[in-house]
PDB file of N, CA and C in Angstrom:
ATOM      1  N   UNK A   1      35.996  14.910 -32.786  1.00  0.00           N
ATOM      2  CA  UNK A   1      36.668  15.111 -31.958  1.00  0.00           C
ATOM      3  C   UNK A   1      35.747  14.888 -30.216  1.00  0.00           C
ATOM      4  N   UNK A   2      37.504  14.307 -30.218  1.00  0.00           N
ATOM      5  CA  UNK A   2      37.605  13.354 -29.046  1.00  0.00           C
ATOM      6  C   UNK A   2      37.519  14.080 -27.570  1.00  0.00           C
ATOM      7  N   UNK A   3      37.460  13.792 -26.952  1.00  0.00           N
ATOM      8  CA  UNK A   3      37.053  14.930 -25.161  1.00  0.00           C
ATOM      9  C   UNK A   3      38.247  13.981 -24.772  1.00  0.00           C
ATOM     10  N   UNK A   4      39.219  14.582 -23.061  1.00  0.00           N
ATOM     11  CA  UNK A   4      40.199  14.642 -22.540  1.00  0.00           C
ATOM     12  C   UNK A   4      39.652  13.135 -21.967  1.00  0.00           C
ATOM     13  N   UNK A   5      40.652  12.006 -21.871  1.00  0.00           N
ATOM     14  CA  UNK A   5      40.688  11.266 -19.781  1.00  0.00           C
ATOM     15  C   UNK A   5      40.176  12.086 -19.211  1.00  0.00           C
ATOM     16  N   UNK A   6      40.820  12.646 -18.661  1.00  0.00           N
ATOM     17  CA  UNK A   6      40.787  13.752 -17.480  1.00  0.00           C
ATOM     18  C   UNK A   6      39.124  14.922 -17.497  1.00  0.00           C
ATOM     19  N   UNK A   7      38.630  14.476 -18.356  1.00  0.00           N
ATOM     20  CA  UNK A   7      36.662  15.030 -18.440  1.00  0.00           C
ATOM     21  C   UNK A   7      36.062  14.167 -18.240  1.00  0.00           C
ATOM     22  N   UNK A   8      37.049  12.493 -19.157  1.00  0.00           N
ATOM     23  CA  UNK A   8      35.464  11.558 -19.054  1.00  0.00           C
ATOM     24  C   UNK A   8      35.293  10.955 -17.707  1.00  0.00           C
ATOM     25  N   UNK A   9      36.350  10.419 -17.475  1.00  0.00           N
ATOM     26  CA  UNK A   9      36.762  10.086 -15.920  1.00  0.00           C
ATOM     27  C   UNK A   9      35.565  10.258 -14.810  1.00  0.00           C
ATOM     28  N   UNK A  10      35.023  11.985 -14.258  1.00  0.00           N
ATOM     29  CA  UNK A  10      34.632  12.408 -13.414  1.00  0.00           C
ATOM     30  C   UNK A  10      33.361  11.435 -14.126  1.00  0.00           C
ATOM     31  N   UNK A  11      32.819  11.955 -15.549  1.00  0.00           N
ATOM     32  CA  UNK A  11      31.280  11.765 -15.613  1.00  0.00           C
ATOM     33  C   UNK A  11      31.057  10.731 -15.830  1.00  0.00           C
ATOM     34  N   UNK A  12      32.440   9.159 -16.197  1.00  0.00           N
ATOM     35  CA  UNK A  12      31.784   7.885 -16.078  1.00  0.00           C
ATOM     36  C   UNK A  12      31.197   7.965 -14.124  1.00  0.00           C
ATOM     37  N   UNK A  13      32.210   8.317 -13.229  1.00  0.00           N
ATOM     38  CA  UNK A  13      31.902   7.610 -11.770  1.00  0.00           C
ATOM     39  C   UNK A  13      30.814   8.435 -11.087  1.00  0.00           C
ATOM     40  N   UNK A  14      30.498   9.655 -11.971  1.00  0.00           N
ATOM     41  CA  UNK A  14      29.369   9.964 -11.895  1.00  0.00           C
ATOM     42  C   UNK A  14      28.321   9.065 -12.667  1.00  0.00           C
ATOM     43  N   UNK A  15      28.757   9.110 -13.716  1.00  0.00           N
ATOM     44  CA  UNK A  15      27.150   8.046 -14.062  1.00  0.00           C
ATOM     45  C   UNK A  15      26.486   7.042 -13.721  1.00  0.00           C
ATOM     46  N   UNK A  16      27.539   6.402 -13.419  1.00  0.00           N
ATOM     47  CA  UNK A  16      27.870   4.921 -13.010  1.00  0.00           C
ATOM     48  C   UNK A  16      26.892   5.553 -11.459  1.00  0.00           C
ATOM     49  N   UNK A  17      26.961   5.948 -10.818  1.00  0.00           N
ATOM     50  CA  UNK A  17      26.385   6.342  -9.542  1.00  0.00           C
ATOM     51  C   UNK A  17      24.947   6.577  -9.870  1.00  0.00           C
ATOM     52  N   UNK A  18      24.975   7.547 -10.884  1.00  0.00           N
ATOM     53  CA  UNK A  18      23.413   7.476 -11.341  1.00  0.00           C
ATOM     54  C   UNK A  18      23.042   6.330 -11.328  1.00  0.00           C
ATOM     55  N   UNK A  19      23.030   5.802 -11.989  1.00  0.00           N
ATOM     56  CA  UNK A  19      22.517   4.328 -12.773  1.00  0.00           C
ATOM     57  C   UNK A  19      22.155   3.635 -11.300  1.00  0.00           C
ATOM     58  N   UNK A  20      22.719   3.777 -10.585  1.00  0.00           N
ATOM     59  CA  UNK A  20      23.179   2.463  -9.830  1.00  0.00           C
ATOM     60  C   UNK A  20      21.947   3.333  -8.337  1.00  0.00           C
ATOM     61  N   UNK A  21      21.572   4.342  -8.152  1.00  0.00           N
ATOM     62  CA  UNK A  21      20.421   5.194  -7.503  1.00  0.00           C
ATOM     63  C   UNK A  21      19.523   4.269  -8.410  1.00  0.00           C
ATOM     64  N   UNK A  22      19.181   4.232  -9.653  1.00  0.00           N
ATOM     65  CA  UNK A  22      18.200   4.884 -10.379  1.00  0.00           C
ATOM     66  C   UNK A  22      17.614   3.273 -10.325  1.00  0.00           C
ATOM     67  N   UNK A  23      18.355   2.431 -10.249  1.00  0.00           N
ATOM     68  CA  UNK A  23      18.696   0.478 -10.823  1.00  0.00           C
ATOM     69  C   UNK A  23      17.700   0.400  -9.008  1.00  0.00           C
ATOM     70  N   UNK A  24      18.348   1.439  -8.591  1.00  0.00           N
ATOM     71  CA  UNK A  24      18.177   0.772  -6.748  1.00  0.00           C
ATOM     72  C   UNK A  24      15.824   1.758  -6.737  1.00  0.00           C
ATOM     73  N   UNK A  25      16.445   2.054  -6.622  1.00  0.00           N
ATOM     74  CA  UNK A  25      14.678   2.793  -6.972  1.00  0.00           C
ATOM     75  C   UNK A  25      13.893   2.210  -7.595  1.00  0.00           C
ATOM     76  N   UNK A  26      14.188   1.820  -8.976  1.00  0.00           N
ATOM     77  CA  UNK A  26      13.276   0.962  -9.804  1.00  0.00           C
ATOM     78  C   UNK A  26      12.417  -0.326  -9.317  1.00  0.00           C
ATOM     79  N   UNK A  27      13.562  -0.655  -8.525  1.00  0.00           N
ATOM     80  CA  UNK A  27      13.540  -2.176  -7.694  1.00  0.00           C
ATOM     81  C   UNK A  27      12.433  -1.912  -6.186  1.00  0.00           C
ATOM     82  N   UNK A  28      12.591  -0.855  -5.777  1.00  0.00           N
ATOM     83  CA  UNK A  28      11.056  -0.803  -4.868  1.00  0.00           C
ATOM     84  C   UNK A  28      10.341  -0.988  -5.494  1.00  0.00           C
ATOM     85  N   UNK A  29       8.895  -1.664  -4.093  1.00  0.00           N
ATOM     86  CA  UNK A  29       7.562  -1.492  -4.081  1.00  0.00           C
ATOM     87  C   UNK A  29       6.005  -1.094  -3.643  1.00  0.00           C
ATOM     88  N   UNK A  30       5.450  -1.129  -4.662  1.00  0.00           N
ATOM     89  CA  UNK A  30       4.367  -0.246  -3.388  1.00  0.00           C
ATOM     90  C   UNK A  30       3.267  -0.392  -4.768  1.00  0.00           C
ATOM     91  N   UNK A  31       2.242  -1.153  -3.385  1.00  0.00           N
ATOM     92  CA  UNK A  31       1.300  -2.104  -4.212  1.00  0.00           C
ATOM     93  C   UNK A  31       0.011  -1.917  -3.002  1.00  0.00           C
ATOM     94  N   UNK A  32      -0.602  -1.305  -4.009  1.00  0.00           N
ATOM     95  CA  UNK A  32      -2.211  -0.742  -3.521  1.00  0.00           C
ATOM     96  C   UNK A  32      -1.720   0.965  -2.674  1.00  0.00           C
ATOM     97  N   UNK A  33      -2.454   1.582  -1.826  1.00  0.00           N
ATOM     98  CA  UNK A  33      -3.144   2.968  -1.438  1.00  0.00           C
ATOM     99  C   UNK A  33      -2.695   2.301   0.118  1.00  0.00           C
ATOM    100  N   UNK A  34      -1.852   3.368   0.131  1.00  0.00           N
ATOM    101  CA  UNK A  34      -1.978   3.737   1.662  1.00  0.00           C
ATOM    102  C   UNK A  34      -3.683   3.663   2.565  1.00  0.00           C
ATOM    103  N   UNK A  35      -3.849   3.119   3.765  1.00  0.00           N
ATOM    104  CA  UNK A  35      -4.959   2.541   4.522  1.00  0.00           C
ATOM    105  C   UNK A  35      -5.521   4.076   6.046  1.00  0.00           C
ATOM    106  N   UNK A  36      -6.120   4.473   5.728  1.00  0.00           N
ATOM    107  CA  UNK A  36      -6.596   5.669   7.003  1.00  0.00           C
ATOM    108  C   UNK A  36      -6.019   5.136   7.948  1.00  0.00           C
ATOM    109  N   UNK A  37      -5.528   4.826   8.831  1.00  0.00           N
ATOM    110  CA  UNK A  37      -6.257   4.425  10.329  1.00  0.00           C
ATOM    111  C   UNK A  37      -7.267   4.878  10.992  1.00  0.00           C
ATOM    112  N   UNK A  38      -7.951   6.403  10.798  1.00  0.00           N
ATOM    113  CA  UNK A  38      -8.602   7.558  11.545  1.00  0.00           C
ATOM    114  C   UNK A  38     -10.012   7.100  10.766  1.00  0.00           C
ATOM    115  N   UNK A  39      -9.924   6.486   9.232  1.00  0.00           N
ATOM    116  CA  UNK A  39     -10.298   6.855   8.067  1.00  0.00           C
ATOM    117  C   UNK A  39     -11.245   5.092   8.902  1.00  0.00           C
ATOM    118  N   UNK A  40     -10.451   4.212   9.120  1.00  0.00           N
ATOM    119  CA  UNK A  40     -10.541   3.095   9.797  1.00  0.00           C
ATOM    120  C   UNK A  40     -11.900   2.850  10.403  1.00  0.00           C
ATOM    121  N   UNK A  41     -10.795   3.748  11.670  1.00  0.00           N
ATOM    122  CA  UNK A  41     -12.023   3.931  12.972  1.00  0.00           C
ATOM    123  C   UNK A  41     -13.480   4.178  12.409  1.00  0.00           C
ATOM    124  N   UNK A  42     -13.739   5.127  11.292  1.00  0.00           N
ATOM    125  CA  UNK A  42     -14.995   6.236  10.980  1.00  0.00           C
ATOM    126  C   UNK A  42     -15.998   5.028  10.805  1.00  0.00           C
ATOM    127  N   UNK A  43     -15.652   4.148  10.051  1.00  0.00           N
ATOM    128  CA  UNK A  43     -16.397   2.775   9.288  1.00  0.00           C
ATOM    129  C   UNK A  43     -17.628   2.253  10.707  1.00  0.00           C
ATOM    130  N   UNK A  44     -18.533   2.238  10.067  1.00  0.00           N
ATOM    131  CA  UNK A  44     -20.059   2.429  11.332  1.00  0.00           C
ATOM    132  C   UNK A  44     -20.602   0.661  10.345  1.00  0.00           C
ATOM    133  N   UNK A  45     -20.104  -0.294  11.413  1.00  0.00           N
ATOM    134  CA  UNK A  45     -21.941  -0.989  10.507  1.00  0.00           C
ATOM    135  C   UNK A  45     -22.746  -0.608  10.526  1.00  0.00           C
ATOM    136  N   UNK A  46     -23.269  -1.491   9.535  1.00  0.00           N
ATOM    137  CA  UNK A  46     -24.488  -1.191   8.862  1.00  0.00           C
ATOM    138  C   UNK A  46     -25.399   0.145   8.794  1.00  0.00           C
ATOM    139  N   UNK A  47     -23.915   0.986   7.841  1.00  0.00           N
ATOM    140  CA  UNK A  47     -24.005   2.150   7.082  1.00  0.00           C
ATOM    141  C   UNK A  47     -23.048   2.234   6.305  1.00  0.00           C
ATOM    142  N   UNK A  48     -21.546   1.745   7.282  1.00  0.00           N
ATOM    143  CA  UNK A  48     -20.676   2.392   5.752  1.00  0.00           C
ATOM    144  C   UNK A  48     -21.216   1.061   4.888  1.00  0.00           C
ATOM    145  N   UNK A  49     -21.138   1.864   3.494  1.00  0.00           N
ATOM    146  CA  UNK A  49     -21.077   0.823   2.131  1.00  0.00           C
ATOM    147  C   UNK A  49     -19.694   0.144   1.516  1.00  0.00           C
ATOM    148  N   UNK A  50     -20.286  -1.099   0.921  1.00  0.00           N
ATOM    149  CA  UNK A  50     -19.330  -2.156  -0.302  1.00  0.00           C
ATOM    150  C   UNK A  50     -18.194  -0.077  -0.568  1.00  0.00           C
ATOM    151  N   UNK A  51     -19.632   0.575  -1.519  1.00  0.00           N
ATOM    152  CA  UNK A  51     -19.395   1.705  -2.221  1.00  0.00           C
ATOM    153  C   UNK A  51     -18.467   2.959  -1.376  1.00  0.00           C
ATOM    154  N   UNK A  52     -18.498   3.055  -0.383  1.00  0.00           N
ATOM    155  CA  UNK A  52     -18.232   4.004   0.736  1.00  0.00           C
ATOM    156  C   UNK A  52     -16.917   3.014   1.162  1.00  0.00           C
ATOM    157  N   UNK A  53     -16.670   2.135   1.013  1.00  0.00           N
ATOM    158  CA  UNK A  53     -14.985   2.136   0.902  1.00  0.00           C
ATOM    159  C   UNK A  53     -14.509   1.523  -0.053  1.00  0.00           C
ATOM    160  N   UNK A  54     -14.759   0.977  -1.166  1.00  0.00           N
ATOM    161  CA  UNK A  54     -14.008   1.928  -2.253  1.00  0.00           C
ATOM    162  C   UNK A  54     -13.646   3.176  -2.172  1.00  0.00           C
ATOM    163  N   UNK A  55     -14.509   3.632  -2.403  1.00  0.00           N
ATOM    164  CA  UNK A  55     -14.083   5.301  -2.681  1.00  0.00           C
ATOM    165  C   UNK A  55     -13.252   5.745  -1.257  1.00  0.00           C
ATOM    166  N   UNK A  56     -13.509   5.626  -0.451  1.00  0.00           N
ATOM    167  CA  UNK A  56     -11.987   5.553   0.369  1.00  0.00           C
ATOM    168  C   UNK A  56     -10.826   5.244   0.135  1.00  0.00           C
ATOM    169  N   UNK A  57     -11.228   3.324  -0.405  1.00  0.00           N
ATOM    170  CA  UNK A  57      -9.096   3.021  -0.075  1.00  0.00           C
ATOM    171  C   UNK A  57      -9.334   2.581  -1.541  1.00  0.00           C
ATOM    172  N   UNK A  58      -9.284   2.337  -2.603  1.00  0.00           N
ATOM    173  CA  UNK A  58      -9.412   2.152  -3.468  1.00  0.00           C
ATOM    174  C   UNK A  58     -10.281   0.883  -3.766  1.00  0.00           C
ATOM    175  N   UNK A  59     -10.298   0.118  -5.313  1.00  0.00           N
ATOM    176  CA  UNK A  59     -10.907  -1.381  -4.987  1.00  0.00           C
ATOM    177  C   UNK A  59     -10.215  -1.862  -4.521  1.00  0.00           C
ATOM    178  N   UNK A  60     -11.233  -3.289  -4.168  1.00  0.00           N
ATOM    179  CA  UNK A  60     -10.437  -4.143  -2.733  1.00  0.00           C
ATOM    180  C   UNK A  60      -9.712  -5.266  -3.607  1.00  0.00           C
ATOM    181  N   UNK A  61      -8.749  -5.871  -2.716  1.00  0.00           N
ATOM    182  CA  UNK A  61      -7.910  -6.370  -4.329  1.00  0.00           C
ATOM    183  C   UNK A  61      -7.952  -8.200  -3.809  1.00  0.00           C
ATOM    184  N   UNK A  62      -9.300  -8.041  -3.200  1.00  0.00           N
ATOM    185  CA  UNK A  62     -10.465  -9.404  -3.247  1.00  0.00           C
ATOM    186  C   UNK A  62     -11.629  -9.073  -2.435  1.00  0.00           C
ATOM    187  N   UNK A  63     -12.568 -10.405  -3.371  1.00  0.00           N
ATOM    188  CA  UNK A  63     -13.922  -9.671  -2.737  1.00  0.00           C
ATOM    189  C   UNK A  63     -14.240 -11.202  -2.632  1.00  0.00           C
ATOM    190  N   UNK A  64     -14.567 -12.583  -1.955  1.00  0.00           N
ATOM    191  CA  UNK A  64     -15.560 -14.073  -1.900  1.00  0.00           C
ATOM    192  C   UNK A  64     -16.621 -13.798  -1.081  1.00  0.00           C
ATOM    193  N   UNK A  65     -17.348 -14.493  -1.679  1.00  0.00           N
ATOM    194  CA  UNK A  65     -18.207 -14.367  -0.975  1.00  0.00           C
ATOM    195  C   UNK A  65     -18.567 -15.601  -0.173  1.00  0.00           C
ATOM    196  N   UNK A  66     -19.806 -14.953   1.354  1.00  0.00           N
ATOM    197  CA  UNK A  66     -19.250 -15.927   2.517  1.00  0.00           C
ATOM    198  C   UNK A  66     -20.822 -15.676   3.388  1.00  0.00           C
ATOM    199  N   UNK A  67     -20.474 -16.600   3.671  1.00  0.00           N
ATOM    200  CA  UNK A  67     -22.797 -16.599   3.765  1.00  0.00           C
ATOM    201  C   UNK A  67     -23.505 -15.762   3.218  1.00  0.00           C
ATOM    202  N   UNK A  68     -24.167 -15.212   3.241  1.00  0.00           N
ATOM    203  CA  UNK A  68     -25.108 -14.520   2.612  1.00  0.00           C
ATOM    204  C   UNK A  68     -25.010 -13.274   2.403  1.00  0.00           C
ATOM    205  N   UNK A  69     -23.136 -13.008   2.315  1.00  0.00           N
ATOM    206  CA  UNK A  69     -22.721 -11.912   2.384  1.00  0.00           C
ATOM    207  C   UNK A  69     -21.054 -12.216   1.646  1.00  0.00           C
ATOM    208  N   UNK A  70     -20.358 -10.838   1.870  1.00  0.00           N
ATOM    209  CA  UNK A  70     -18.584 -10.884   1.164  1.00  0.00           C
ATOM    210  C   UNK A  70     -18.164 -10.567   2.268  1.00  0.00           C
ATOM    211  N   UNK A  71     -16.863 -11.456   2.346  1.00  0.00           N
ATOM    212  CA  UNK A  71     -15.642 -10.897   2.732  1.00  0.00           C
ATOM    213  C   UNK A  71     -14.713  -9.449   1.693  1.00  0.00           C
ATOM    214  N   UNK A  72     -14.017  -8.433   2.274  1.00  0.00           N
ATOM    215  CA  UNK A  72     -13.032  -7.693   0.612  1.00  0.00           C
ATOM    216  C   UNK A  72     -12.147  -7.450   2.288  1.00  0.00           C
ATOM    217  N   UNK A  73     -11.182  -7.701   1.072  1.00  0.00           N
ATOM    218  CA  UNK A  73      -9.636  -7.364   1.104  1.00  0.00           C
ATOM    219  C   UNK A  73      -8.895  -6.763   0.804  1.00  0.00           C
ATOM    220  N   UNK A  74      -8.073  -5.063   1.599  1.00  0.00           N
ATOM    221  CA  UNK A  74      -7.801  -4.308   0.730  1.00  0.00           C
ATOM    222  C   UNK A  74      -6.138  -4.687   1.342  1.00  0.00           C
ATOM    223  N   UNK A  75      -5.274  -4.635   0.499  1.00  0.00           N
ATOM    224  CA  UNK A  75      -4.168  -4.366   1.129  1.00  0.00           C
ATOM    225  C   UNK A  75      -3.419  -3.009   0.243  1.00  0.00           C
ATOM    226  N   UNK A  76      -1.938  -3.170   1.620  1.00  0.00           N
ATOM    227  CA  UNK A  76      -0.849  -2.076   0.859  1.00  0.00           C
ATOM    228  C   UNK A  76       0.043  -2.317   1.734  1.00  0.00           C
ATOM    229  N   UNK A  77       1.051  -2.447   0.322  1.00  0.00           N
ATOM    230  CA  UNK A  77       3.046  -2.602   0.859  1.00  0.00           C
ATOM    231  C   UNK A  77       3.746  -1.557  -0.006  1.00  0.00           C
ATOM    232  N   UNK A  78       4.888  -1.358   1.161  1.00  0.00           N
ATOM    233  CA  UNK A  78       5.745  -0.630  -0.131  1.00  0.00           C
ATOM    234  C   UNK A  78       6.896  -0.405   1.070  1.00  0.00           C
ATOM    235  N   UNK A  79       8.211  -0.547   0.348  1.00  0.00           N
ATOM    236  CA  UNK A  79       9.053  -0.717   0.285  1.00  0.00           C
ATOM    237  C   UNK A  79      10.299   0.131   0.605  1.00  0.00           C
ATOM    238  N   UNK A  80      10.329   0.654   2.113  1.00  0.00           N
ATOM    239  CA  UNK A  80      11.200   1.291   2.200  1.00  0.00           C
ATOM    240  C   UNK A  80      12.819   1.212   2.416  1.00  0.00           C
ATOM    241  N   UNK A  81      14.465   2.367   2.664  1.00  0.00           N
ATOM    242  CA  UNK A  81      14.642   1.900   3.172  1.00  0.00           C
ATOM    243  C   UNK A  81      15.320   1.458   4.986  1.00  0.00           C
ATOM    244  N   UNK A  82      14.258   1.436   5.791  1.00  0.00           N
ATOM    245  CA  UNK A  82      13.826   1.495   6.775  1.00  0.00           C
ATOM    246  C   UNK A  82      13.209   0.173   6.747  1.00  0.00           C
ATOM    247  N   UNK A  83      12.748  -0.562   5.664  1.00  0.00           N
ATOM    248  CA  UNK A  83      12.016  -1.881   5.550  1.00  0.00           C
ATOM    249  C   UNK A  83      10.719  -1.412   4.706  1.00  0.00           C
ATOM    250  N   UNK A  84       9.635  -2.307   4.962  1.00  0.00           N
ATOM    251  CA  UNK A  84       8.080  -2.703   4.485  1.00  0.00           C
ATOM    252  C   UNK A  84       6.997  -2.245   5.546  1.00  0.00           C
ATOM    253  N   UNK A  85       6.988  -0.794   4.972  1.00  0.00           N
ATOM    254  CA  UNK A  85       5.353  -0.530   5.250  1.00  0.00           C
ATOM    255  C   UNK A  85       4.297  -1.389   4.732  1.00  0.00           C
ATOM    256  N   UNK A  86       3.527  -2.433   5.401  1.00  0.00           N
ATOM    257  CA  UNK A  86       1.892  -2.713   4.864  1.00  0.00           C
ATOM    258  C   UNK A  86       0.848  -2.066   6.112  1.00  0.00           C
ATOM    259  N   UNK A  87      -0.363  -2.349   5.010  1.00  0.00           N
ATOM    260  CA  UNK A  87      -1.932  -2.217   5.363  1.00  0.00           C
ATOM    261  C   UNK A  87      -2.356  -3.840   5.612  1.00  0.00           C
ATOM    262  N   UNK A  88      -3.209  -4.031   5.633  1.00  0.00           N
ATOM    263  CA  UNK A  88      -4.541  -5.124   5.584  1.00  0.00           C
ATOM    264  C   UNK A  88      -5.170  -5.317   6.127  1.00  0.00           C
ATOM    265  N   UNK A  89      -6.649  -4.831   5.638  1.00  0.00           N
ATOM    266  CA  UNK A  89      -8.119  -4.890   6.172  1.00  0.00           C
ATOM    267  C   UNK A  89      -8.794  -5.343   5.743  1.00  0.00           C
ATOM    268  N   UNK A  90      -9.769  -6.167   6.805  1.00  0.00           N
ATOM    269  CA  UNK A  90     -10.428  -7.032   5.875  1.00  0.00           C
ATOM    270  C   UNK A  90     -11.974  -6.600   6.251  1.00  0.00           C
ATOM    271  N   UNK A  91     -13.313  -6.714   5.501  1.00  0.00           N
ATOM    272  CA  UNK A  91     -13.841  -6.331   5.431  1.00  0.00           C
ATOM    273  C   UNK A  91     -15.562  -7.126   6.100  1.00  0.00           C
ATOM    274  N   UNK A  92     -16.574  -7.461   6.550  1.00  0.00           N
ATOM    275  CA  UNK A  92     -17.380  -8.227   5.986  1.00  0.00           C
ATOM    276  C   UNK A  92     -18.397  -7.359   5.695  1.00  0.00           C
ATOM    277  N   UNK A  93     -19.520  -7.403   4.740  1.00  0.00           N
ATOM    278  CA  UNK A  93     -20.319  -6.876   4.448  1.00  0.00           C
ATOM    279  C   UNK A  93     -21.562  -7.997   3.859  1.00  0.00           C
ATOM    280  N   UNK A  94     -22.862  -7.595   4.466  1.00  0.00           N
ATOM    281  CA  UNK A  94     -23.652  -7.958   3.906  1.00  0.00           C
ATOM    282  C   UNK A  94     -24.842  -8.434   2.684  1.00  0.00           C
ATOM    283  N   UNK A  95     -25.678  -8.629   2.679  1.00  0.00           N
ATOM    284  CA  UNK A  95     -25.870  -9.091   1.199  1.00  0.00           C
ATOM    285  C   UNK A  95     -26.572  -7.946   0.497  1.00  0.00           C
ATOM    286  N   UNK A  96     -26.401  -6.752   1.409  1.00  0.00           N
ATOM    287  CA  UNK A  96     -26.956  -5.347   0.954  1.00  0.00           C
ATOM    288  C   UNK A  96     -25.565  -4.646   0.951  1.00  0.00           C
ATOM    289  N   UNK A  97     -24.740  -5.146   0.814  1.00  0.00           N
ATOM    290  CA  UNK A  97     -23.171  -3.791   0.363  1.00  0.00           C
ATOM    291  C   UNK A  97     -22.951  -3.545   1.511  1.00  0.00           C
ATOM    292  N   UNK A  98     -23.318  -3.546   2.929  1.00  0.00           N
ATOM    293  CA  UNK A  98     -22.936  -2.917   4.009  1.00  0.00           C
ATOM    294  C   UNK A  98     -22.589  -3.094   5.417  1.00  0.00           C
ATOM    295  N   UNK A  99     -22.110  -2.323   5.819  1.00  0.00           N
ATOM    296  CA  UNK A  99     -20.490  -3.125   6.555  1.00  0.00           C
ATOM    297  C   UNK A  99     -21.153  -4.322   7.676  1.00  0.00           C
ATOM    298  N   UNK A 100     -20.411  -4.987   8.266  1.00  0.00           N
ATOM    299  CA  UNK A 100     -21.381  -5.963   9.132  1.00  0.00           C
ATOM    300  C   UNK A 100     -20.467  -5.684  10.582  1.00  0.00           C
ATOM    301  N   UNK A 101     -18.511  -5.721  10.253  1.00  0.00           N
ATOM    302  CA  UNK A 101     -17.836  -5.555  10.566  1.00  0.00           C
ATOM    303  C   UNK A 101     -16.461  -5.012  10.682  1.00  0.00           C
ATOM    304  N   UNK A 102     -14.788  -5.632  11.117  1.00  0.00           N
ATOM    305  CA  UNK A 102     -13.612  -5.716  10.292  1.00  0.00           C
ATOM    306  C   UNK A 102     -13.647  -6.706  10.905  1.00  0.00           C
ATOM    307  N   UNK A 103     -12.423  -7.109   9.978  1.00  0.00           N
ATOM    308  CA  UNK A 103     -12.115  -8.399  10.480  1.00  0.00           C
ATOM    309  C   UNK A 103     -11.464  -8.438  10.779  1.00  0.00           C
ATOM    310  N   UNK A 104     -10.445  -8.129  10.033  1.00  0.00           N
ATOM    311  CA  UNK A 104      -8.628  -7.742  10.030  1.00  0.00           C
ATOM    312  C   UNK A 104      -7.744  -6.197  10.086  1.00  0.00           C
ATOM    313  N   UNK A 105      -7.374  -5.979  11.135  1.00  0.00           N
ATOM    314  CA  UNK A 105      -6.908  -3.743  10.582  1.00  0.00           C
ATOM    315  C   UNK A 105      -5.684  -4.256  11.304  1.00  0.00           C
ATOM    316  N   UNK A 106      -5.233  -4.814  10.159  1.00  0.00           N
ATOM    317  CA  UNK A 106      -3.072  -4.305  10.498  1.00  0.00           C
ATOM    318  C   UNK A 106      -2.108  -3.567  10.089  1.00  0.00           C
ATOM    319  N   UNK A 107      -1.422  -2.861  10.563  1.00  0.00           N
ATOM    320  CA  UNK A 107      -1.018  -1.665  10.457  1.00  0.00           C
ATOM    321  C   UNK A 107       0.734  -1.095  10.783  1.00  0.00           C
ATOM    322  N   UNK A 108       1.359  -1.375  10.200  1.00  0.00           N
ATOM    323  CA  UNK A 108       2.791  -2.021  10.132  1.00  0.00           C
ATOM    324  C   UNK A 108       3.244  -0.588  11.565  1.00  0.00           C
ATOM    325  N   UNK A 109       3.011   0.795  11.087  1.00  0.00           N
ATOM    326  CA  UNK A 109       3.155   1.807  11.716  1.00  0.00           C
ATOM    327  C   UNK A 109       2.489   1.498  13.460  1.00  0.00           C
ATOM    328  N   UNK A 110       1.522   0.520  13.584  1.00  0.00           N
ATOM    329  CA  UNK A 110       0.990  -0.005  14.980  1.00  0.00           C
ATOM    330  C   UNK A 110       1.888  -0.916  15.464  1.00  0.00           C
ATOM    331  N   UNK A 111       2.898  -1.539  15.037  1.00  0.00           N
ATOM    332  CA  UNK A 111       3.379  -2.293  16.089  1.00  0.00           C
ATOM    333  C   UNK A 111       5.125  -0.981  15.642  1.00  0.00           C
ATOM    334  N   UNK A 112       5.335  -0.466  15.162  1.00  0.00           N
ATOM    335  CA  UNK A 112       6.428   0.861  15.034  1.00  0.00           C
ATOM    336  C   UNK A 112       6.209   1.789  16.913  1.00  0.00           C
ATOM    337  N   UNK A 113       4.883   1.494  17.052  1.00  0.00           N
ATOM    338  CA  UNK A 113       4.787   2.519  18.002  1.00  0.00           C
ATOM    339  C   UNK A 113       4.517   2.257  19.494  1.00  0.00           C
ATOM    340  N   UNK A 114       4.066   0.031  19.487  1.00  0.00           N
ATOM    341  CA  UNK A 114       4.692  -0.091  20.758  1.00  0.00           C
ATOM    342  C   UNK A 114       5.937  -0.553  20.902  1.00  0.00           C
ATOM    343  N   UNK A 115       6.619  -0.444  19.937  1.00  0.00           N
ATOM    344  CA  UNK A 115       8.257  -1.220  20.701  1.00  0.00           C
ATOM    345  C   UNK A 115       9.004  -0.105  21.675  1.00  0.00           C
TER     346      UNK A 115
END
């Protein structure tokens, strides 16, 4: 049984629109997990451990030896219709895995508030 073209034209148009929306959604990228600014502020040098930070923010994307300790880097990136959201956090840990200090904390949300 063949459907009349009057019925197929609107269906084809709707299907094409749906496929475009799905294709655009597939192009959006999200890497890592968001880093909560309030949680960063609660990190305490000498007390917070690497394991504590991993529980809070997930696995670091990069961990490198640095002198007698390590530097760990967490990164979050998400494309949105309004631009790209990002967070970047680097922390130095001593040889025992205790936090020494935050080396870098970038939050795209902070920049938007300053504008």
